[in-house]
Amino acid sequence: MRDHYAEFAERGVEIVAVGPNDMESFQRYWANENIPFIGLPDPDHRIAKLYRQEVNLFKLGRMPLNTVLDVDGRIRYVHFGSSMSDIPDNETFLNVIDHLNTSSN
């Protein structure tokens, strides 16, 4: 998503990545990797629990959870990953966003 951030921004989208790390870890990683979107630390797993993100210790922790929320905060797309590599490609997200933008006009 980092490399295609401009395509998301052109559509009026903000990306927020939520992870189990603390604030210091997020800030360091975001600075080192030059990530242009928001990184939200969730070390107490409050957001993960709210969205029912699966934790599987046999598969290295939190499973990927990808959602698209509309401007009212409603979930319009959700993908619960079954492994750390089970993440939809950017085109999937862009198609969902384009559909939402078209249907709201």
PDB file of N, CA and C in Angstrom:
ATOM      1  N   MET A   1       0.811  -1.188   0.000  1.00  0.00           N
ATOM      2  CA  MET A   1       0.000   0.000   0.000  1.00  0.00           C
ATOM      3  C   MET A   1       0.860   1.260   0.000  1.00  0.00           C
ATOM      4  N   ARG A   2       2.010   1.139   0.620  1.00  0.00           N
ATOM      5  CA  ARG A   2       2.900   2.305   0.658  1.00  0.00           C
ATOM      6  C   ARG A   2       3.244   2.772  -0.740  1.00  0.00           C
ATOM      7  N   ASP A   3       3.608   1.834  -1.606  1.00  0.00           N
ATOM      8  CA  ASP A   3       4.048   2.189  -2.949  1.00  0.00           C
ATOM      9  C   ASP A   3       2.914   2.706  -3.828  1.00  0.00           C
ATOM     10  N   HIS A   4       1.672   2.432  -3.445  1.00  0.00           N
ATOM     11  CA  HIS A   4       0.518   2.863  -4.232  1.00  0.00           C
ATOM     12  C   HIS A   4      -0.347   3.857  -3.459  1.00  0.00           C
ATOM     13  N   TYR A   5       0.230   4.465  -2.441  1.00  0.00           N
ATOM     14  CA  TYR A   5      -0.531   5.378  -1.590  1.00  0.00           C
ATOM     15  C   TYR A   5      -1.182   6.505  -2.389  1.00  0.00           C
ATOM     16  N   ALA A   6      -0.504   7.015  -3.393  1.00  0.00           N
ATOM     17  CA  ALA A   6      -1.051   8.118  -4.198  1.00  0.00           C
ATOM     18  C   ALA A   6      -2.368   7.722  -4.854  1.00  0.00           C
ATOM     19  N   GLU A   7      -2.497   6.454  -5.266  1.00  0.00           N
ATOM     20  CA  GLU A   7      -3.736   5.996  -5.892  1.00  0.00           C
ATOM     21  C   GLU A   7      -4.891   6.010  -4.885  1.00  0.00           C
ATOM     22  N   PHE A   8      -4.597   5.699  -3.641  1.00  0.00           N
ATOM     23  CA  PHE A   8      -5.616   5.751  -2.610  1.00  0.00           C
ATOM     24  C   PHE A   8      -5.973   7.200  -2.285  1.00  0.00           C
ATOM     25  N   ALA A   9      -4.954   8.031  -2.145  1.00  0.00           N
ATOM     26  CA  ALA A   9      -5.172   9.447  -1.808  1.00  0.00           C
ATOM     27  C   ALA A   9      -5.978  10.152  -2.894  1.00  0.00           C
ATOM     28  N   GLU A  10      -5.731   9.808  -4.163  1.00  0.00           N
ATOM     29  CA  GLU A  10      -6.491  10.395  -5.279  1.00  0.00           C
ATOM     30  C   GLU A  10      -7.988  10.125  -5.148  1.00  0.00           C
ATOM     31  N   ARG A  11      -8.317   9.046  -4.473  1.00  0.00           N
ATOM     32  CA  ARG A  11      -9.721   8.653  -4.307  1.00  0.00           C
ATOM     33  C   ARG A  11     -10.314   9.192  -2.996  1.00  0.00           C
ATOM     34  N   GLY A  12      -9.549  10.010  -2.291  1.00  0.00           N
ATOM     35  CA  GLY A  12     -10.036  10.579  -1.043  1.00  0.00           C
ATOM     36  C   GLY A  12     -10.008   9.613   0.120  1.00  0.00           C
ATOM     37  N   VAL A  13      -9.102   8.649   0.058  1.00  0.00           N
ATOM     38  CA  VAL A  13      -9.028   7.588   1.056  1.00  0.00           C
ATOM     39  C   VAL A  13      -7.860   7.826   1.996  1.00  0.00           C
ATOM     40  N   GLU A  14      -8.059   7.494   3.242  1.00  0.00           N
ATOM     41  CA  GLU A  14      -6.956   7.488   4.199  1.00  0.00           C
ATOM     42  C   GLU A  14      -6.732   6.051   4.645  1.00  0.00           C
ATOM     43  N   ILE A  15      -5.486   5.648   4.678  1.00  0.00           N
ATOM     44  CA  ILE A  15      -5.122   4.302   5.129  1.00  0.00           C
ATOM     45  C   ILE A  15      -4.659   4.407   6.575  1.00  0.00           C
ATOM     46  N   VAL A  16      -5.142   3.480   7.387  1.00  0.00           N
ATOM     47  CA  VAL A  16      -4.719   3.390   8.778  1.00  0.00           C
ATOM     48  C   VAL A  16      -4.308   1.946   9.026  1.00  0.00           C
ATOM     49  N   ALA A  17      -3.071   1.753   9.435  1.00  0.00           N
ATOM     50  CA  ALA A  17      -2.573   0.423   9.766  1.00  0.00           C
ATOM     51  C   ALA A  17      -2.535   0.298  11.282  1.00  0.00           C
ATOM     52  N   VAL A  18      -3.204  -0.720  11.795  1.00  0.00           N
ATOM     53  CA  VAL A  18      -3.275  -0.954  13.229  1.00  0.00           C
ATOM     54  C   VAL A  18      -2.450  -2.197  13.545  1.00  0.00           C
ATOM     55  N   GLY A  19      -1.620  -2.102  14.558  1.00  0.00           N
ATOM     56  CA  GLY A  19      -0.787  -3.249  14.908  1.00  0.00           C
ATOM     57  C   GLY A  19      -0.581  -3.367  16.409  1.00  0.00           C
ATOM     58  N   PRO A  20      -0.057  -4.499  16.840  1.00  0.00           N
ATOM     59  CA  PRO A  20       0.078  -4.775  18.271  1.00  0.00           C
ATOM     60  C   PRO A  20       1.264  -4.080  18.935  1.00  0.00           C
ATOM     61  N   ASN A  21       2.054  -3.369  18.176  1.00  0.00           N
ATOM     62  CA  ASN A  21       3.258  -2.748  18.722  1.00  0.00           C
ATOM     63  C   ASN A  21       2.925  -1.501  19.534  1.00  0.00           C
ATOM     64  N   ASP A  22       3.901  -1.071  20.334  1.00  0.00           N
ATOM     65  CA  ASP A  22       3.720   0.157  21.114  1.00  0.00           C
ATOM     66  C   ASP A  22       4.057   1.373  20.244  1.00  0.00           C
ATOM     67  N   MET A  23       3.786   2.546  20.776  1.00  0.00           N
ATOM     68  CA  MET A  23       3.965   3.804  20.039  1.00  0.00           C
ATOM     69  C   MET A  23       5.404   3.972  19.542  1.00  0.00           C
ATOM     70  N   GLU A  24       6.366   3.712  20.389  1.00  0.00           N
ATOM     71  CA  GLU A  24       7.771   3.894  20.009  1.00  0.00           C
ATOM     72  C   GLU A  24       8.151   2.991  18.841  1.00  0.00           C
ATOM     73  N   SER A  25       7.715   1.734  18.885  1.00  0.00           N
ATOM     74  CA  SER A  25       8.011   0.798  17.793  1.00  0.00           C
ATOM     75  C   SER A  25       7.390   1.267  16.479  1.00  0.00           C
ATOM     76  N   PHE A  26       6.142   1.725  16.551  1.00  0.00           N
ATOM     77  CA  PHE A  26       5.475   2.229  15.351  1.00  0.00           C
ATOM     78  C   PHE A  26       6.215   3.425  14.783  1.00  0.00           C
ATOM     79  N   GLN A  27       6.538   4.383  15.619  1.00  0.00           N
ATOM     80  CA  GLN A  27       7.214   5.590  15.140  1.00  0.00           C
ATOM     81  C   GLN A  27       8.546   5.252  14.480  1.00  0.00           C
ATOM     82  N   ARG A  28       9.296   4.369  15.085  1.00  0.00           N
ATOM     83  CA  ARG A  28      10.595   3.982  14.537  1.00  0.00           C
ATOM     84  C   ARG A  28      10.424   3.279  13.185  1.00  0.00           C
ATOM     85  N   TYR A  29       9.504   2.319  13.117  1.00  0.00           N
ATOM     86  CA  TYR A  29       9.278   1.576  11.879  1.00  0.00           C
ATOM     87  C   TYR A  29       8.764   2.501  10.775  1.00  0.00           C
ATOM     88  N   TRP A  30       7.790   3.345  11.096  1.00  0.00           N
ATOM     89  CA  TRP A  30       7.218   4.256  10.097  1.00  0.00           C
ATOM     90  C   TRP A  30       8.291   5.206   9.554  1.00  0.00           C
ATOM     91  N   ALA A  31       9.154   5.696  10.428  1.00  0.00           N
ATOM     92  CA  ALA A  31      10.224   6.596   9.992  1.00  0.00           C
ATOM     93  C   ALA A  31      11.252   5.846   9.137  1.00  0.00           C
ATOM     94  N   ASN A  32      11.657   4.660   9.563  1.00  0.00           N
ATOM     95  CA  ASN A  32      12.659   3.880   8.818  1.00  0.00           C
ATOM     96  C   ASN A  32      12.155   3.458   7.443  1.00  0.00           C
ATOM     97  N   GLU A  33      10.884   3.130   7.346  1.00  0.00           N
ATOM     98  CA  GLU A  33      10.314   2.633   6.089  1.00  0.00           C
ATOM     99  C   GLU A  33       9.653   3.729   5.262  1.00  0.00           C
ATOM    100  N   ASN A  34       9.634   4.966   5.790  1.00  0.00           N
ATOM    101  CA  ASN A  34       9.042   6.106   5.083  1.00  0.00           C
ATOM    102  C   ASN A  34       7.605   5.812   4.639  1.00  0.00           C
ATOM    103  N   ILE A  35       6.796   5.363   5.573  1.00  0.00           N
ATOM    104  CA  ILE A  35       5.404   5.015   5.288  1.00  0.00           C
ATOM    105  C   ILE A  35       4.553   6.275   5.355  1.00  0.00           C
ATOM    106  N   PRO A  36       3.785   6.563   4.285  1.00  0.00           N
ATOM    107  CA  PRO A  36       3.056   7.831   4.216  1.00  0.00           C
ATOM    108  C   PRO A  36       1.695   7.842   4.908  1.00  0.00           C
ATOM    109  N   PHE A  37       1.227   6.695   5.380  1.00  0.00           N
ATOM    110  CA  PHE A  37      -0.084   6.673   6.018  1.00  0.00           C
ATOM    111  C   PHE A  37       0.044   6.465   7.522  1.00  0.00           C
ATOM    112  N   ILE A  38      -1.080   6.460   8.195  1.00  0.00           N
ATOM    113  CA  ILE A  38      -1.133   6.440   9.658  1.00  0.00           C
ATOM    114  C   ILE A  38      -0.870   5.040  10.201  1.00  0.00           C
ATOM    115  N   GLY A  39      -0.027   4.973  11.218  1.00  0.00           N
ATOM    116  CA  GLY A  39       0.200   3.741  11.957  1.00  0.00           C
ATOM    117  C   GLY A  39      -0.366   3.920  13.358  1.00  0.00           C
ATOM    118  N   LEU A  40      -1.279   3.061  13.735  1.00  0.00           N
ATOM    119  CA  LEU A  40      -1.958   3.180  15.019  1.00  0.00           C
ATOM    120  C   LEU A  40      -1.575   2.018  15.921  1.00  0.00           C
ATOM    121  N   PRO A  41      -0.849   2.295  17.006  1.00  0.00           N
ATOM    122  CA  PRO A  41      -0.474   1.222  17.918  1.00  0.00           C
ATOM    123  C   PRO A  41      -1.689   0.704  18.685  1.00  0.00           C
ATOM    124  N   ASP A  42      -1.732  -0.596  18.868  1.00  0.00           N
ATOM    125  CA  ASP A  42      -2.828  -1.240  19.600  1.00  0.00           C
ATOM    126  C   ASP A  42      -2.268  -2.328  20.515  1.00  0.00           C
ATOM    127  N   PRO A  43      -1.337  -1.966  21.417  1.00  0.00           N
ATOM    128  CA  PRO A  43      -0.706  -2.991  22.252  1.00  0.00           C
ATOM    129  C   PRO A  43      -1.671  -3.668  23.228  1.00  0.00           C
ATOM    130  N   ASP A  44      -2.772  -3.017  23.555  1.00  0.00           N
ATOM    131  CA  ASP A  44      -3.766  -3.619  24.450  1.00  0.00           C
ATOM    132  C   ASP A  44      -4.839  -4.395  23.690  1.00  0.00           C
ATOM    133  N   HIS A  45      -4.730  -4.419  22.371  1.00  0.00           N
ATOM    134  CA  HIS A  45      -5.617  -5.194  21.483  1.00  0.00           C
ATOM    135  C   HIS A  45      -7.075  -4.727  21.521  1.00  0.00           C
ATOM    136  N   ARG A  46      -7.309  -3.488  21.891  1.00  0.00           N
ATOM    137  CA  ARG A  46      -8.688  -2.979  21.950  1.00  0.00           C
ATOM    138  C   ARG A  46      -9.328  -2.928  20.566  1.00  0.00           C
ATOM    139  N   ILE A  47      -8.600  -2.411  19.604  1.00  0.00           N
ATOM    140  CA  ILE A  47      -9.150  -2.311  18.241  1.00  0.00           C
ATOM    141  C   ILE A  47      -9.284  -3.707  17.637  1.00  0.00           C
ATOM    142  N   ALA A  48      -8.296  -4.546  17.875  1.00  0.00           N
ATOM    143  CA  ALA A  48      -8.355  -5.919  17.367  1.00  0.00           C
ATOM    144  C   ALA A  48      -9.596  -6.638  17.896  1.00  0.00           C
ATOM    145  N   LYS A  49      -9.890  -6.478  19.148  1.00  0.00           N
ATOM    146  CA  LYS A  49     -11.080  -7.113  19.736  1.00  0.00           C
ATOM    147  C   LYS A  49     -12.357  -6.508  19.163  1.00  0.00           C
ATOM    148  N   LEU A  50     -12.375  -5.204  18.986  1.00  0.00           N
ATOM    149  CA  LEU A  50     -13.551  -4.520  18.452  1.00  0.00           C
ATOM    150  C   LEU A  50     -13.920  -5.062  17.071  1.00  0.00           C
ATOM    151  N   TYR A  51     -12.906  -5.323  16.247  1.00  0.00           N
ATOM    152  CA  TYR A  51     -13.138  -5.820  14.888  1.00  0.00           C
ATOM    153  C   TYR A  51     -13.018  -7.338  14.783  1.00  0.00           C
ATOM    154  N   ARG A  52     -12.875  -7.997  15.923  1.00  0.00           N
ATOM    155  CA  ARG A  52     -12.800  -9.472  15.995  1.00  0.00           C
ATOM    156  C   ARG A  52     -11.646 -10.043  15.173  1.00  0.00           C
ATOM    157  N   GLN A  53     -10.504  -9.381  15.285  1.00  0.00           N
ATOM    158  CA  GLN A  53      -9.317  -9.860  14.580  1.00  0.00           C
ATOM    159  C   GLN A  53      -8.798 -11.108  15.279  1.00  0.00           C
ATOM    160  N   GLU A  54      -8.558 -12.136  14.502  1.00  0.00           N
ATOM    161  CA  GLU A  54      -8.110 -13.408  15.050  1.00  0.00           C
ATOM    162  C   GLU A  54      -6.649 -13.339  15.484  1.00  0.00           C
ATOM    163  N   VAL A  55      -6.366 -13.970  16.621  1.00  0.00           N
ATOM    164  CA  VAL A  55      -4.991 -14.144  17.079  1.00  0.00           C
ATOM    165  C   VAL A  55      -4.725 -15.639  17.077  1.00  0.00           C
ATOM    166  N   ASN A  56      -3.665 -16.043  16.388  1.00  0.00           N
ATOM    167  CA  ASN A  56      -3.307 -17.445  16.305  1.00  0.00           C
ATOM    168  C   ASN A  56      -1.813 -17.556  16.590  1.00  0.00           C
ATOM    169  N   LEU A  57      -1.485 -17.987  17.783  1.00  0.00           N
ATOM    170  CA  LEU A  57      -0.080 -18.056  18.186  1.00  0.00           C
ATOM    171  C   LEU A  57       0.721 -19.037  17.348  1.00  0.00           C
ATOM    172  N   PHE A  58       0.056 -20.051  16.791  1.00  0.00           N
ATOM    173  CA  PHE A  58       0.750 -21.002  15.935  1.00  0.00           C
ATOM    174  C   PHE A  58       1.114 -20.404  14.580  1.00  0.00           C
ATOM    175  N   LYS A  59       0.483 -19.291  14.232  1.00  0.00           N
ATOM    176  CA  LYS A  59       0.752 -18.614  12.957  1.00  0.00           C
ATOM    177  C   LYS A  59       1.354 -17.229  13.191  1.00  0.00           C
ATOM    178  N   LEU A  60       2.071 -17.050  14.265  1.00  0.00           N
ATOM    179  CA  LEU A  60       2.843 -15.845  14.566  1.00  0.00           C
ATOM    180  C   LEU A  60       2.023 -14.651  15.060  1.00  0.00           C
ATOM    181  N   GLY A  61       0.859 -14.870  15.610  1.00  0.00           N
ATOM    182  CA  GLY A  61       0.134 -13.753  16.223  1.00  0.00           C
ATOM    183  C   GLY A  61      -1.138 -13.361  15.518  1.00  0.00           C
ATOM    184  N   ARG A  62      -1.345 -12.055  15.399  1.00  0.00           N
ATOM    185  CA  ARG A  62      -2.566 -11.533  14.779  1.00  0.00           C
ATOM    186  C   ARG A  62      -2.624 -11.890  13.302  1.00  0.00           C
ATOM    187  N   MET A  63      -3.753 -12.403  12.886  1.00  0.00           N
ATOM    188  CA  MET A  63      -3.976 -12.663  11.470  1.00  0.00           C
ATOM    189  C   MET A  63      -4.364 -11.341  10.802  1.00  0.00           C
ATOM    190  N   PRO A  64      -4.017 -11.173   9.540  1.00  0.00           N
ATOM    191  CA  PRO A  64      -4.363  -9.932   8.851  1.00  0.00           C
ATOM    192  C   PRO A  64      -5.877  -9.716   8.828  1.00  0.00           C
ATOM    193  N   LEU A  65      -6.276  -8.494   9.048  1.00  0.00           N
ATOM    194  CA  LEU A  65      -7.670  -8.074   8.936  1.00  0.00           C
ATOM    195  C   LEU A  65      -7.666  -6.785   8.136  1.00  0.00           C
ATOM    196  N   ASN A  66      -8.327  -6.801   7.009  1.00  0.00           N
ATOM    197  CA  ASN A  66      -8.382  -5.627   6.145  1.00  0.00           C
ATOM    198  C   ASN A  66      -9.832  -5.207   5.989  1.00  0.00           C
ATOM    199  N   THR A  67     -10.101  -3.935   6.219  1.00  0.00           N
ATOM    200  CA  THR A  67     -11.456  -3.423   6.072  1.00  0.00           C
ATOM    201  C   THR A  67     -11.437  -2.110   5.301  1.00  0.00           C
ATOM    202  N   VAL A  68     -12.554  -1.838   4.663  1.00  0.00           N
ATOM    203  CA  VAL A  68     -12.788  -0.537   4.055  1.00  0.00           C
ATOM    204  C   VAL A  68     -14.012   0.020   4.774  1.00  0.00           C
ATOM    205  N   LEU A  69     -13.828   1.182   5.375  1.00  0.00           N
ATOM    206  CA  LEU A  69     -14.922   1.867   6.066  1.00  0.00           C
ATOM    207  C   LEU A  69     -15.353   3.060   5.241  1.00  0.00           C
ATOM    208  N   ASP A  70     -16.654   3.333   5.242  1.00  0.00           N
ATOM    209  CA  ASP A  70     -17.110   4.527   4.534  1.00  0.00           C
ATOM    210  C   ASP A  70     -16.975   5.746   5.448  1.00  0.00           C
ATOM    211  N   VAL A  71     -17.360   6.904   4.956  1.00  0.00           N
ATOM    212  CA  VAL A  71     -17.185   8.143   5.729  1.00  0.00           C
ATOM    213  C   VAL A  71     -18.022   8.156   7.005  1.00  0.00           C
ATOM    214  N   ASP A  72     -19.035   7.297   7.084  1.00  0.00           N
ATOM    215  CA  ASP A  72     -19.865   7.194   8.286  1.00  0.00           C
ATOM    216  C   ASP A  72     -19.355   6.140   9.261  1.00  0.00           C
ATOM    217  N   GLY A  73     -18.217   5.501   8.917  1.00  0.00           N
ATOM    218  CA  GLY A  73     -17.633   4.500   9.794  1.00  0.00           C
ATOM    219  C   GLY A  73     -18.216   3.106   9.638  1.00  0.00           C
ATOM    220  N   ARG A  74     -19.039   2.896   8.615  1.00  0.00           N
ATOM    221  CA  ARG A  74     -19.614   1.568   8.377  1.00  0.00           C
ATOM    222  C   ARG A  74     -18.646   0.719   7.564  1.00  0.00           C
ATOM    223  N   ILE A  75     -18.540  -0.534   7.947  1.00  0.00           N
ATOM    224  CA  ILE A  75     -17.681  -1.471   7.214  1.00  0.00           C
ATOM    225  C   ILE A  75     -18.344  -1.797   5.884  1.00  0.00           C
ATOM    226  N   ARG A  76     -17.609  -1.554   4.804  1.00  0.00           N
ATOM    227  CA  ARG A  76     -18.114  -1.830   3.456  1.00  0.00           C
ATOM    228  C   ARG A  76     -17.420  -3.013   2.800  1.00  0.00           C
ATOM    229  N   TYR A  77     -16.280  -3.389   3.349  1.00  0.00           N
ATOM    230  CA  TYR A  77     -15.535  -4.547   2.846  1.00  0.00           C
ATOM    231  C   TYR A  77     -14.712  -5.064   4.008  1.00  0.00           C
ATOM    232  N   VAL A  78     -14.657  -6.378   4.147  1.00  0.00           N
ATOM    233  CA  VAL A  78     -13.818  -6.971   5.191  1.00  0.00           C
ATOM    234  C   VAL A  78     -13.181  -8.250   4.654  1.00  0.00           C
ATOM    235  N   HIS A  79     -11.940  -8.442   5.016  1.00  0.00           N
ATOM    236  CA  HIS A  79     -11.219  -9.664   4.661  1.00  0.00           C
ATOM    237  C   HIS A  79     -10.459 -10.128   5.905  1.00  0.00           C
ATOM    238  N   PHE A  80     -10.824 -11.300   6.409  1.00  0.00           N
ATOM    239  CA  PHE A  80     -10.115 -11.904   7.527  1.00  0.00           C
ATOM    240  C   PHE A  80      -9.087 -12.870   6.945  1.00  0.00           C
ATOM    241  N   GLY A  81      -7.808 -12.556   7.107  1.00  0.00           N
ATOM    242  CA  GLY A  81      -6.750 -13.400   6.568  1.00  0.00           C
ATOM    243  C   GLY A  81      -6.587 -14.680   7.361  1.00  0.00           C
ATOM    244  N   SER A  82      -6.223 -15.752   6.671  1.00  0.00           N
ATOM    245  CA  SER A  82      -6.011 -17.042   7.327  1.00  0.00           C
ATOM    246  C   SER A  82      -4.534 -17.315   7.590  1.00  0.00           C
ATOM    247  N   SER A  83      -3.665 -16.453   7.087  1.00  0.00           N
ATOM    248  CA  SER A  83      -2.228 -16.562   7.342  1.00  0.00           C
ATOM    249  C   SER A  83      -1.632 -15.163   7.208  1.00  0.00           C
ATOM    250  N   MET A  84      -0.380 -15.016   7.593  1.00  0.00           N
ATOM    251  CA  MET A  84       0.257 -13.703   7.539  1.00  0.00           C
ATOM    252  C   MET A  84       0.379 -13.175   6.109  1.00  0.00           C
ATOM    253  N   SER A  85       0.354 -14.060   5.127  1.00  0.00           N
ATOM    254  CA  SER A  85       0.482 -13.624   3.729  1.00  0.00           C
ATOM    255  C   SER A  85      -0.872 -13.484   3.027  1.00  0.00           C
ATOM    256  N   ASP A  86      -1.949 -13.767   3.727  1.00  0.00           N
ATOM    257  CA  ASP A  86      -3.287 -13.713   3.136  1.00  0.00           C
ATOM    258  C   ASP A  86      -3.838 -12.295   3.230  1.00  0.00           C
ATOM    259  N   ILE A  87      -3.395 -11.463   2.303  1.00  0.00           N
ATOM    260  CA  ILE A  87      -3.798 -10.058   2.241  1.00  0.00           C
ATOM    261  C   ILE A  87      -4.201  -9.758   0.803  1.00  0.00           C
ATOM    262  N   PRO A  88      -5.390  -9.193   0.607  1.00  0.00           N
ATOM    263  CA  PRO A  88      -5.804  -8.856  -0.764  1.00  0.00           C
ATOM    264  C   PRO A  88      -4.838  -7.861  -1.412  1.00  0.00           C
ATOM    265  N   ASP A  89      -4.784  -7.906  -2.732  1.00  0.00           N
ATOM    266  CA  ASP A  89      -3.910  -6.958  -3.429  1.00  0.00           C
ATOM    267  C   ASP A  89      -4.558  -5.574  -3.462  1.00  0.00           C
ATOM    268  N   ASN A  90      -3.757  -4.575  -3.781  1.00  0.00           N
ATOM    269  CA  ASN A  90      -4.243  -3.191  -3.809  1.00  0.00           C
ATOM    270  C   ASN A  90      -5.401  -3.005  -4.782  1.00  0.00           C
ATOM    271  N   GLU A  91      -5.363  -3.721  -5.880  1.00  0.00           N
ATOM    272  CA  GLU A  91      -6.416  -3.599  -6.884  1.00  0.00           C
ATOM    273  C   GLU A  91      -7.782  -3.957  -6.296  1.00  0.00           C
ATOM    274  N   THR A  92      -7.820  -4.945  -5.431  1.00  0.00           N
ATOM    275  CA  THR A  92      -9.080  -5.321  -4.773  1.00  0.00           C
ATOM    276  C   THR A  92      -9.633  -4.148  -3.977  1.00  0.00           C
ATOM    277  N   PHE A  93      -8.773  -3.519  -3.179  1.00  0.00           N
ATOM    278  CA  PHE A  93      -9.214  -2.374  -2.384  1.00  0.00           C
ATOM    279  C   PHE A  93      -9.635  -1.209  -3.267  1.00  0.00           C
ATOM    280  N   LEU A  94      -8.857  -0.932  -4.291  1.00  0.00           N
ATOM    281  CA  LEU A  94      -9.173   0.185  -5.186  1.00  0.00           C
ATOM    282  C   LEU A  94     -10.504  -0.044  -5.901  1.00  0.00           C
ATOM    283  N   ASN A  95     -10.786  -1.282  -6.280  1.00  0.00           N
ATOM    284  CA  ASN A  95     -12.070  -1.596  -6.915  1.00  0.00           C
ATOM    285  C   ASN A  95     -13.236  -1.367  -5.957  1.00  0.00           C
ATOM    286  N   VAL A  96     -13.082  -1.797  -4.710  1.00  0.00           N
ATOM    287  CA  VAL A  96     -14.126  -1.577  -3.700  1.00  0.00           C
ATOM    288  C   VAL A  96     -14.348  -0.085  -3.509  1.00  0.00           C
ATOM    289  N   ILE A  97     -13.268   0.668  -3.392  1.00  0.00           N
ATOM    290  CA  ILE A  97     -13.358   2.119  -3.188  1.00  0.00           C
ATOM    291  C   ILE A  97     -14.006   2.796  -4.388  1.00  0.00           C
ATOM    292  N   ASP A  98     -13.602   2.397  -5.595  1.00  0.00           N
ATOM    293  CA  ASP A  98     -14.207   2.981  -6.799  1.00  0.00           C
ATOM    294  C   ASP A  98     -15.707   2.699  -6.837  1.00  0.00           C
ATOM    295  N   HIS A  99     -16.096   1.492  -6.487  1.00  0.00           N
ATOM    296  CA  HIS A  99     -17.520   1.132  -6.467  1.00  0.00           C
ATOM    297  C   HIS A  99     -18.277   1.982  -5.454  1.00  0.00           C
ATOM    298  N   LEU A 100     -17.700   2.143  -4.269  1.00  0.00           N
ATOM    299  CA  LEU A 100     -18.341   2.978  -3.240  1.00  0.00           C
ATOM    300  C   LEU A 100     -18.457   4.424  -3.692  1.00  0.00           C
ATOM    301  N   ASN A 101     -17.392   4.943  -4.296  1.00  0.00           N
ATOM    302  CA  ASN A 101     -17.412   6.329  -4.773  1.00  0.00           C
ATOM    303  C   ASN A 101     -18.445   6.524  -5.879  1.00  0.00           C
ATOM    304  N   THR A 102     -18.558   5.548  -6.779  1.00  0.00           N
ATOM    305  CA  THR A 102     -19.526   5.636  -7.871  1.00  0.00           C
ATOM    306  C   THR A 102     -20.951   5.567  -7.349  1.00  0.00           C
ATOM    307  N   SER A 103     -21.190   4.667  -6.395  1.00  0.00           N
ATOM    308  CA  SER A 103     -22.552   4.493  -5.888  1.00  0.00           C
ATOM    309  C   SER A 103     -23.009   5.645  -4.996  1.00  0.00           C
ATOM    310  N   SER A 104     -22.059   6.432  -4.488  1.00  0.00           N
ATOM    311  CA  SER A 104     -22.441   7.548  -3.628  1.00  0.00           C
ATOM    312  C   SER A 104     -22.657   8.850  -4.404  1.00  0.00           C
ATOM    313  N   ASN A 105     -22.373   8.819  -5.690  1.00  0.00           N
ATOM    314  CA  ASN A 105     -22.562  10.033  -6.521  1.00  0.00           C
ATOM    315  C   ASN A 105     -23.967  10.116  -7.070  1.00  0.00           C
TER     316      ASN A 105
END
